[in-house]
Amino acid sequence: MTKEPKLPAEENLAEDLRQELENLIEGELAVENLTANKMAFLRAWLKDDLHRAADYLRELAGELKTTEERTGDLFLNAADPTEAAWPKLMRCIQDGEPWALAGETVGAGEELQCLGCGYRALPPEGSQITPCHRCGYGLFRQVSGGLEG
């Protein structure tokens, strides 16, 4: 003999089904909220990452530009020291500072600083000024106060 399962009363069945449906809907909304929160977090995280990447690229571009300018200056100075020395000569002339050219005779105690590379030398008195031993440029500023000055 098998027993027949007892079915709940019709009013209880409707109430139980309604309660189960409400529980399922609440669960669905909780999952949806959790997904929305995770999406908001992910969106904020990606936005922060994007800002950091943009800042990094901006800094990198600045460093590359500086490196590019320095390299360009080095190549220009190596190819033609007058690019760097000409403004220095003009400043010497405007400030009334003494300057000398290769080929001139060195005076007593005359100290020279190359306007091309900044090399400083104390040539012997009465000798002829030769182009710079370091860069080959032939324009010098006469330095007062010795090589330490």
N, C-alpha and C. Protein backbone atom coordinates (compact mmCIF):
# COMPACT_ATOMS: atom_id res chain seq x y z
N MET A 1 0.81 -1.17 0.00
CA MET A 1 0.00 0.00 0.00
C MET A 1 0.86 1.24 0.00
N THR A 2 0.59 2.02 -0.93
CA THR A 2 1.30 3.28 -1.03
C THR A 2 0.41 4.40 -0.55
N LYS A 3 1.04 5.31 0.08
CA LYS A 3 0.30 6.46 0.59
C LYS A 3 0.32 7.55 -0.46
N GLU A 4 -0.72 8.22 -0.59
CA GLU A 4 -0.79 9.36 -1.49
C GLU A 4 -0.26 10.58 -0.77
N PRO A 5 0.58 11.38 -1.48
CA PRO A 5 1.10 12.57 -0.79
C PRO A 5 -0.04 13.54 -0.49
N LYS A 6 0.11 14.18 0.63
CA LYS A 6 -0.89 15.16 1.02
C LYS A 6 -0.57 16.48 0.35
N LEU A 7 -1.48 17.03 -0.31
CA LEU A 7 -1.32 18.34 -0.93
C LEU A 7 -1.80 19.40 0.03
N PRO A 8 -1.07 20.53 0.06
CA PRO A 8 -1.54 21.59 0.95
C PRO A 8 -2.85 22.15 0.41
N ALA A 9 -3.48 22.83 1.25
CA ALA A 9 -4.76 23.43 0.86
C ALA A 9 -4.50 24.47 -0.22
N GLU A 10 -5.54 24.72 -1.02
CA GLU A 10 -5.38 25.64 -2.16
C GLU A 10 -4.94 27.03 -1.72
N GLU A 11 -5.48 27.54 -0.66
CA GLU A 11 -5.09 28.87 -0.19
C GLU A 11 -3.64 28.88 0.28
N ASN A 12 -3.19 27.80 0.91
CA ASN A 12 -1.79 27.70 1.34
C ASN A 12 -0.87 27.57 0.14
N LEU A 13 -1.29 26.86 -0.89
CA LEU A 13 -0.49 26.66 -2.09
C LEU A 13 -0.24 28.00 -2.80
N ALA A 14 -1.25 28.79 -2.94
CA ALA A 14 -1.12 30.10 -3.58
C ALA A 14 -0.19 31.00 -2.77
N GLU A 15 -0.33 30.96 -1.45
CA GLU A 15 0.51 31.78 -0.58
C GLU A 15 1.96 31.31 -0.64
N ASP A 16 2.18 30.01 -0.63
CA ASP A 16 3.54 29.46 -0.72
C ASP A 16 4.19 29.83 -2.05
N LEU A 17 3.44 29.72 -3.15
CA LEU A 17 3.97 30.08 -4.46
C LEU A 17 4.30 31.57 -4.53
N ARG A 18 3.42 32.40 -3.99
CA ARG A 18 3.68 33.84 -3.96
C ARG A 18 4.95 34.14 -3.15
N GLN A 19 5.10 33.50 -2.00
CA GLN A 19 6.28 33.70 -1.14
C GLN A 19 7.55 33.25 -1.87
N GLU A 20 7.52 32.10 -2.53
CA GLU A 20 8.68 31.62 -3.30
C GLU A 20 9.03 32.59 -4.42
N LEU A 21 8.02 33.10 -5.10
CA LEU A 21 8.24 34.06 -6.18
C LEU A 21 8.88 35.34 -5.65
N GLU A 22 8.41 35.82 -4.51
CA GLU A 22 8.99 37.02 -3.89
C GLU A 22 10.46 36.77 -3.51
N ASN A 23 10.73 35.59 -2.97
CA ASN A 23 12.12 35.24 -2.59
C ASN A 23 13.02 35.21 -3.83
N LEU A 24 12.50 34.64 -4.92
CA LEU A 24 13.27 34.60 -6.16
C LEU A 24 13.53 36.01 -6.70
N ILE A 25 12.52 36.86 -6.64
CA ILE A 25 12.67 38.24 -7.11
C ILE A 25 13.69 38.99 -6.24
N GLU A 26 13.61 38.81 -4.92
CA GLU A 26 14.57 39.46 -4.02
C GLU A 26 16.00 38.98 -4.32
N GLY A 27 16.15 37.69 -4.55
CA GLY A 27 17.47 37.15 -4.90
C GLY A 27 17.99 37.72 -6.21
N GLU A 28 17.09 37.81 -7.20
CA GLU A 28 17.47 38.39 -8.50
C GLU A 28 17.91 39.85 -8.33
N LEU A 29 17.17 40.63 -7.54
CA LEU A 29 17.53 42.04 -7.30
C LEU A 29 18.86 42.15 -6.55
N ALA A 30 19.10 41.25 -5.61
CA ALA A 30 20.38 41.27 -4.87
C ALA A 30 21.54 41.00 -5.82
N VAL A 31 21.38 40.02 -6.72
CA VAL A 31 22.42 39.73 -7.71
C VAL A 31 22.62 40.92 -8.63
N GLU A 32 21.51 41.54 -9.04
CA GLU A 32 21.60 42.72 -9.91
C GLU A 32 22.33 43.86 -9.21
N ASN A 33 22.01 44.09 -7.92
CA ASN A 33 22.70 45.13 -7.14
C ASN A 33 24.18 44.84 -7.02
N LEU A 34 24.50 43.58 -6.73
CA LEU A 34 25.89 43.18 -6.59
C LEU A 34 26.63 43.40 -7.90
N THR A 35 26.03 43.04 -9.02
CA THR A 35 26.64 43.24 -10.33
C THR A 35 26.80 44.73 -10.62
N ALA A 36 25.79 45.55 -10.28
CA ALA A 36 25.89 47.00 -10.49
C ALA A 36 27.01 47.59 -9.66
N ASN A 37 27.14 47.12 -8.40
CA ASN A 37 28.22 47.62 -7.53
C ASN A 37 29.58 47.24 -8.10
N LYS A 38 29.69 45.99 -8.55
CA LYS A 38 30.96 45.56 -9.13
C LYS A 38 31.27 46.34 -10.40
N MET A 39 30.28 46.61 -11.21
CA MET A 39 30.49 47.38 -12.43
C MET A 39 30.91 48.81 -12.10
N ALA A 40 30.29 49.41 -11.09
CA ALA A 40 30.66 50.77 -10.68
C ALA A 40 32.11 50.78 -10.18
N PHE A 41 32.47 49.77 -9.39
CA PHE A 41 33.84 49.67 -8.90
C PHE A 41 34.81 49.49 -10.06
N LEU A 42 34.50 48.61 -10.99
CA LEU A 42 35.36 48.37 -12.14
C LEU A 42 35.50 49.63 -12.99
N ARG A 43 34.39 50.35 -13.19
CA ARG A 43 34.41 51.59 -13.97
C ARG A 43 35.33 52.63 -13.31
N ALA A 44 35.19 52.78 -11.97
CA ALA A 44 36.03 53.73 -11.24
C ALA A 44 37.50 53.32 -11.31
N TRP A 45 37.77 52.03 -11.19
CA TRP A 45 39.14 51.52 -11.24
C TRP A 45 39.75 51.78 -12.62
N LEU A 46 39.00 51.51 -13.68
CA LEU A 46 39.49 51.75 -15.04
C LEU A 46 39.70 53.24 -15.29
N LYS A 47 38.80 54.07 -14.78
CA LYS A 47 38.95 55.52 -14.95
C LYS A 47 40.22 56.01 -14.26
N ASP A 48 40.47 55.52 -13.05
CA ASP A 48 41.69 55.88 -12.32
C ASP A 48 42.92 55.41 -13.08
N ASP A 49 42.88 54.18 -13.59
CA ASP A 49 43.99 53.65 -14.38
C ASP A 49 44.23 54.50 -15.62
N LEU A 50 43.17 54.92 -16.27
CA LEU A 50 43.30 55.74 -17.47
C LEU A 50 43.96 57.08 -17.15
N HIS A 51 43.57 57.70 -16.03
CA HIS A 51 44.18 58.97 -15.62
C HIS A 51 45.67 58.78 -15.31
N ARG A 52 45.99 57.69 -14.59
CA ARG A 52 47.40 57.43 -14.27
C ARG A 52 48.21 57.18 -15.53
N ALA A 53 47.65 56.43 -16.46
CA ALA A 53 48.35 56.16 -17.72
C ALA A 53 48.56 57.44 -18.50
N ALA A 54 47.55 58.31 -18.52
CA ALA A 54 47.68 59.59 -19.23
C ALA A 54 48.76 60.46 -18.58
N ASP A 55 48.79 60.50 -17.25
CA ASP A 55 49.83 61.27 -16.55
C ASP A 55 51.22 60.71 -16.86
N TYR A 56 51.35 59.39 -16.84
CA TYR A 56 52.62 58.75 -17.14
C TYR A 56 53.07 59.09 -18.56
N LEU A 57 52.16 59.00 -19.52
CA LEU A 57 52.50 59.30 -20.90
C LEU A 57 52.88 60.77 -21.08
N ARG A 58 52.19 61.66 -20.35
CA ARG A 58 52.54 63.09 -20.42
C ARG A 58 53.96 63.32 -19.90
N GLU A 59 54.28 62.69 -18.75
CA GLU A 59 55.63 62.82 -18.19
C GLU A 59 56.67 62.22 -19.14
N LEU A 60 56.35 61.07 -19.70
CA LEU A 60 57.26 60.42 -20.63
C LEU A 60 57.50 61.30 -21.86
N ALA A 61 56.43 61.92 -22.36
CA ALA A 61 56.57 62.81 -23.52
C ALA A 61 57.48 63.98 -23.17
N GLY A 62 57.34 64.54 -21.96
CA GLY A 62 58.21 65.63 -21.53
C GLY A 62 59.66 65.20 -21.46
N GLU A 63 59.90 64.01 -20.90
CA GLU A 63 61.26 63.49 -20.81
C GLU A 63 61.84 63.23 -22.20
N LEU A 64 61.04 62.67 -23.09
CA LEU A 64 61.50 62.42 -24.45
C LEU A 64 61.83 63.73 -25.17
N LYS A 65 60.99 64.74 -24.95
CA LYS A 65 61.23 66.03 -25.59
C LYS A 65 62.54 66.63 -25.08
N THR A 66 62.74 66.56 -23.76
CA THR A 66 63.99 67.07 -23.18
C THR A 66 65.19 66.31 -23.74
N THR A 67 65.09 64.99 -23.80
CA THR A 67 66.18 64.17 -24.34
C THR A 67 66.42 64.51 -25.81
N GLU A 68 65.34 64.69 -26.55
CA GLU A 68 65.46 65.04 -27.97
C GLU A 68 66.15 66.40 -28.13
N GLU A 69 65.75 67.39 -27.31
CA GLU A 69 66.38 68.71 -27.39
C GLU A 69 67.86 68.63 -27.02
N ARG A 70 68.18 67.89 -25.96
CA ARG A 70 69.58 67.76 -25.54
C ARG A 70 70.42 67.10 -26.64
N THR A 71 69.86 66.03 -27.22
CA THR A 71 70.57 65.34 -28.29
C THR A 71 70.79 66.26 -29.48
N GLY A 72 69.75 67.01 -29.82
CA GLY A 72 69.87 67.97 -30.92
C GLY A 72 70.94 69.01 -30.64
N ASP A 73 70.96 69.52 -29.39
CA ASP A 73 71.99 70.50 -29.03
C ASP A 73 73.39 69.89 -29.11
N LEU A 74 73.53 68.65 -28.64
CA LEU A 74 74.84 68.00 -28.71
C LEU A 74 75.30 67.83 -30.16
N PHE A 75 74.38 67.40 -31.03
CA PHE A 75 74.73 67.25 -32.44
C PHE A 75 75.07 68.59 -33.08
N LEU A 76 74.29 69.63 -32.76
CA LEU A 76 74.58 70.95 -33.33
C LEU A 76 75.92 71.47 -32.84
N ASN A 77 76.19 71.29 -31.55
CA ASN A 77 77.46 71.76 -31.01
C ASN A 77 78.63 70.98 -31.60
N ALA A 78 78.44 69.69 -31.79
CA ALA A 78 79.51 68.88 -32.38
C ALA A 78 79.74 69.27 -33.83
N ALA A 79 78.67 69.53 -34.54
CA ALA A 79 78.78 69.86 -35.96
C ALA A 79 79.28 71.29 -36.16
N ASP A 80 78.80 72.21 -35.34
CA ASP A 80 79.15 73.62 -35.52
C ASP A 80 79.10 74.33 -34.17
N PRO A 81 80.24 74.46 -33.49
CA PRO A 81 80.24 75.09 -32.17
C PRO A 81 79.78 76.54 -32.19
N THR A 82 79.73 77.19 -33.35
CA THR A 82 79.29 78.58 -33.39
C THR A 82 77.83 78.71 -32.98
N GLU A 83 77.04 77.64 -33.15
CA GLU A 83 75.63 77.68 -32.74
C GLU A 83 75.53 78.02 -31.26
N ALA A 84 76.40 77.45 -30.45
CA ALA A 84 76.36 77.69 -29.01
C ALA A 84 77.22 78.89 -28.62
N ALA A 85 78.30 79.14 -29.34
CA ALA A 85 79.25 80.17 -28.95
C ALA A 85 78.83 81.57 -29.38
N TRP A 86 78.15 81.69 -30.48
CA TRP A 86 77.79 83.02 -31.00
C TRP A 86 77.02 83.85 -29.98
N PRO A 87 75.97 83.32 -29.35
CA PRO A 87 75.27 84.12 -28.33
C PRO A 87 76.18 84.49 -27.15
N LYS A 88 77.12 83.59 -26.79
CA LYS A 88 78.04 83.89 -25.70
C LYS A 88 78.98 85.03 -26.08
N LEU A 89 79.45 85.04 -27.32
CA LEU A 89 80.30 86.13 -27.79
C LEU A 89 79.53 87.45 -27.76
N MET A 90 78.29 87.43 -28.22
CA MET A 90 77.47 88.65 -28.22
C MET A 90 77.30 89.16 -26.79
N ARG A 91 77.11 88.24 -25.83
CA ARG A 91 76.96 88.63 -24.44
C ARG A 91 78.26 89.27 -23.94
N CYS A 92 79.43 88.69 -24.31
CA CYS A 92 80.72 89.26 -23.92
C CYS A 92 80.85 90.68 -24.45
N ILE A 93 80.50 90.86 -25.73
CA ILE A 93 80.62 92.19 -26.34
C ILE A 93 79.67 93.18 -25.67
N GLN A 94 78.42 92.77 -25.44
CA GLN A 94 77.44 93.66 -24.82
C GLN A 94 77.82 94.02 -23.40
N ASP A 95 78.38 93.06 -22.65
CA ASP A 95 78.77 93.30 -21.25
C ASP A 95 80.13 93.98 -21.14
N GLY A 96 80.79 94.15 -22.27
CA GLY A 96 82.10 94.78 -22.26
C GLY A 96 83.20 93.88 -21.71
N GLU A 97 82.99 92.56 -21.72
CA GLU A 97 84.01 91.63 -21.24
C GLU A 97 85.05 91.44 -22.34
N PRO A 98 86.32 91.27 -21.96
CA PRO A 98 87.37 91.05 -22.97
C PRO A 98 87.26 89.65 -23.58
N TRP A 99 87.56 89.57 -24.86
CA TRP A 99 87.54 88.29 -25.56
C TRP A 99 88.70 88.25 -26.54
N ALA A 100 89.01 87.05 -26.99
CA ALA A 100 90.17 86.88 -27.88
C ALA A 100 89.87 85.83 -28.93
N LEU A 101 90.60 85.94 -30.06
CA LEU A 101 90.46 84.99 -31.16
C LEU A 101 91.72 84.16 -31.30
N ALA A 102 91.56 82.95 -31.84
CA ALA A 102 92.73 82.13 -32.15
C ALA A 102 93.60 82.91 -33.14
N GLY A 103 94.91 82.86 -32.95
CA GLY A 103 95.83 83.60 -33.81
C GLY A 103 96.39 84.84 -33.13
N GLU A 104 95.69 85.36 -32.13
CA GLU A 104 96.20 86.52 -31.39
C GLU A 104 97.32 86.07 -30.45
N THR A 105 98.08 87.04 -29.96
CA THR A 105 99.17 86.74 -29.04
C THR A 105 98.66 86.86 -27.61
N VAL A 106 99.10 85.94 -26.77
CA VAL A 106 98.67 85.91 -25.36
C VAL A 106 99.44 86.96 -24.58
N GLY A 107 98.71 87.73 -23.79
CA GLY A 107 99.32 88.74 -22.93
C GLY A 107 99.75 88.12 -21.61
N ALA A 108 100.38 88.96 -20.77
CA ALA A 108 100.88 88.50 -19.48
C ALA A 108 99.72 88.08 -18.57
N GLY A 109 99.77 86.85 -18.06
CA GLY A 109 98.76 86.36 -17.12
C GLY A 109 97.37 86.23 -17.72
N GLU A 110 97.28 86.13 -19.04
CA GLU A 110 95.98 86.06 -19.70
C GLU A 110 95.42 84.64 -19.63
N GLU A 111 94.26 84.51 -19.01
CA GLU A 111 93.59 83.21 -18.91
C GLU A 111 92.40 83.21 -19.86
N LEU A 112 92.18 82.09 -20.53
CA LEU A 112 91.16 82.03 -21.56
C LEU A 112 90.14 80.92 -21.26
N GLN A 113 88.89 81.21 -21.63
CA GLN A 113 87.83 80.21 -21.53
C GLN A 113 87.17 80.09 -22.90
N CYS A 114 87.16 78.87 -23.44
CA CYS A 114 86.58 78.64 -24.76
C CYS A 114 85.09 78.94 -24.73
N LEU A 115 84.61 79.72 -25.68
CA LEU A 115 83.18 80.02 -25.76
C LEU A 115 82.40 78.88 -26.40
N GLY A 116 83.08 77.91 -26.97
CA GLY A 116 82.41 76.76 -27.56
C GLY A 116 82.07 75.69 -26.54
N CYS A 117 83.04 75.34 -25.66
CA CYS A 117 82.81 74.23 -24.72
C CYS A 117 83.06 74.62 -23.27
N GLY A 118 83.63 75.78 -23.02
CA GLY A 118 83.87 76.22 -21.64
C GLY A 118 85.22 75.81 -21.08
N TYR A 119 86.06 75.14 -21.87
CA TYR A 119 87.39 74.70 -21.42
C TYR A 119 88.22 75.93 -21.04
N ARG A 120 88.91 75.85 -19.90
CA ARG A 120 89.72 76.98 -19.44
C ARG A 120 91.20 76.62 -19.52
N ALA A 121 92.02 77.59 -19.93
CA ALA A 121 93.46 77.35 -20.08
C ALA A 121 94.24 78.61 -19.73
N LEU A 122 95.50 78.41 -19.35
CA LEU A 122 96.43 79.50 -19.06
C LEU A 122 97.63 79.31 -19.98
N PRO A 123 97.54 79.84 -21.22
CA PRO A 123 98.65 79.66 -22.17
C PRO A 123 99.86 80.50 -21.75
N PRO A 124 101.05 80.11 -22.19
CA PRO A 124 102.26 80.87 -21.85
C PRO A 124 102.24 82.27 -22.48
N GLU A 125 102.79 83.23 -21.75
CA GLU A 125 102.82 84.62 -22.22
C GLU A 125 103.60 84.71 -23.54
N GLY A 126 103.08 85.50 -24.46
CA GLY A 126 103.74 85.74 -25.73
C GLY A 126 103.46 84.67 -26.78
N SER A 127 102.78 83.56 -26.41
CA SER A 127 102.49 82.51 -27.40
C SER A 127 101.25 82.89 -28.21
N GLN A 128 101.08 82.21 -29.30
CA GLN A 128 99.93 82.47 -30.14
C GLN A 128 98.75 81.62 -29.64
N ILE A 129 97.57 82.24 -29.57
CA ILE A 129 96.37 81.51 -29.15
C ILE A 129 96.02 80.51 -30.24
N THR A 130 95.86 79.25 -29.83
CA THR A 130 95.48 78.20 -30.78
C THR A 130 94.01 77.84 -30.53
N PRO A 131 93.40 77.22 -31.52
CA PRO A 131 92.01 76.78 -31.28
C PRO A 131 91.93 75.86 -30.06
N CYS A 132 90.78 75.78 -29.48
CA CYS A 132 90.54 74.99 -28.27
C CYS A 132 90.99 73.55 -28.50
N HIS A 133 91.69 73.02 -27.51
CA HIS A 133 92.19 71.65 -27.59
C HIS A 133 91.07 70.62 -27.46
N ARG A 134 89.95 71.05 -26.88
CA ARG A 134 88.85 70.12 -26.65
C ARG A 134 87.85 70.11 -27.80
N CYS A 135 87.43 71.29 -28.28
CA CYS A 135 86.37 71.32 -29.30
C CYS A 135 86.83 71.93 -30.62
N GLY A 136 88.01 72.55 -30.64
CA GLY A 136 88.53 73.10 -31.88
C GLY A 136 88.03 74.50 -32.21
N TYR A 137 87.23 75.10 -31.31
CA TYR A 137 86.71 76.43 -31.57
C TYR A 137 87.79 77.47 -31.28
N GLY A 138 87.75 78.59 -31.94
CA GLY A 138 88.83 79.57 -31.80
C GLY A 138 88.41 80.90 -31.20
N LEU A 139 87.38 80.91 -30.39
CA LEU A 139 86.90 82.15 -29.78
C LEU A 139 86.90 81.96 -28.26
N PHE A 140 87.52 82.91 -27.54
CA PHE A 140 87.71 82.75 -26.11
C PHE A 140 87.29 83.99 -25.35
N ARG A 141 86.87 83.78 -24.13
CA ARG A 141 86.61 84.88 -23.20
C ARG A 141 87.83 84.96 -22.32
N GLN A 142 88.28 86.20 -22.06
CA GLN A 142 89.43 86.38 -21.18
C GLN A 142 88.90 86.39 -19.73
N VAL A 143 89.41 85.43 -18.96
CA VAL A 143 88.91 85.23 -17.59
C VAL A 143 89.78 85.99 -16.62
N SER A 144 89.12 86.69 -15.69
CA SER A 144 89.89 87.35 -14.65
C SER A 144 89.71 86.55 -13.36
N GLY A 145 90.73 86.49 -12.55
CA GLY A 145 90.62 85.78 -11.28
C GLY A 145 91.18 84.36 -11.34
N GLY A 146 91.80 83.99 -12.38
CA GLY A 146 92.46 82.68 -12.46
C GLY A 146 91.50 81.56 -12.82
N LEU A 147 92.08 80.37 -12.89
CA LEU A 147 91.29 79.20 -13.27
C LEU A 147 90.28 78.81 -12.19
N GLU A 148 90.49 79.22 -10.98
CA GLU A 148 89.54 78.90 -9.91
C GLU A 148 88.34 79.84 -9.95
N GLY A 149 88.44 80.98 -10.59
CA GLY A 149 87.42 82.03 -10.56
C GLY A 149 86.30 81.81 -11.40
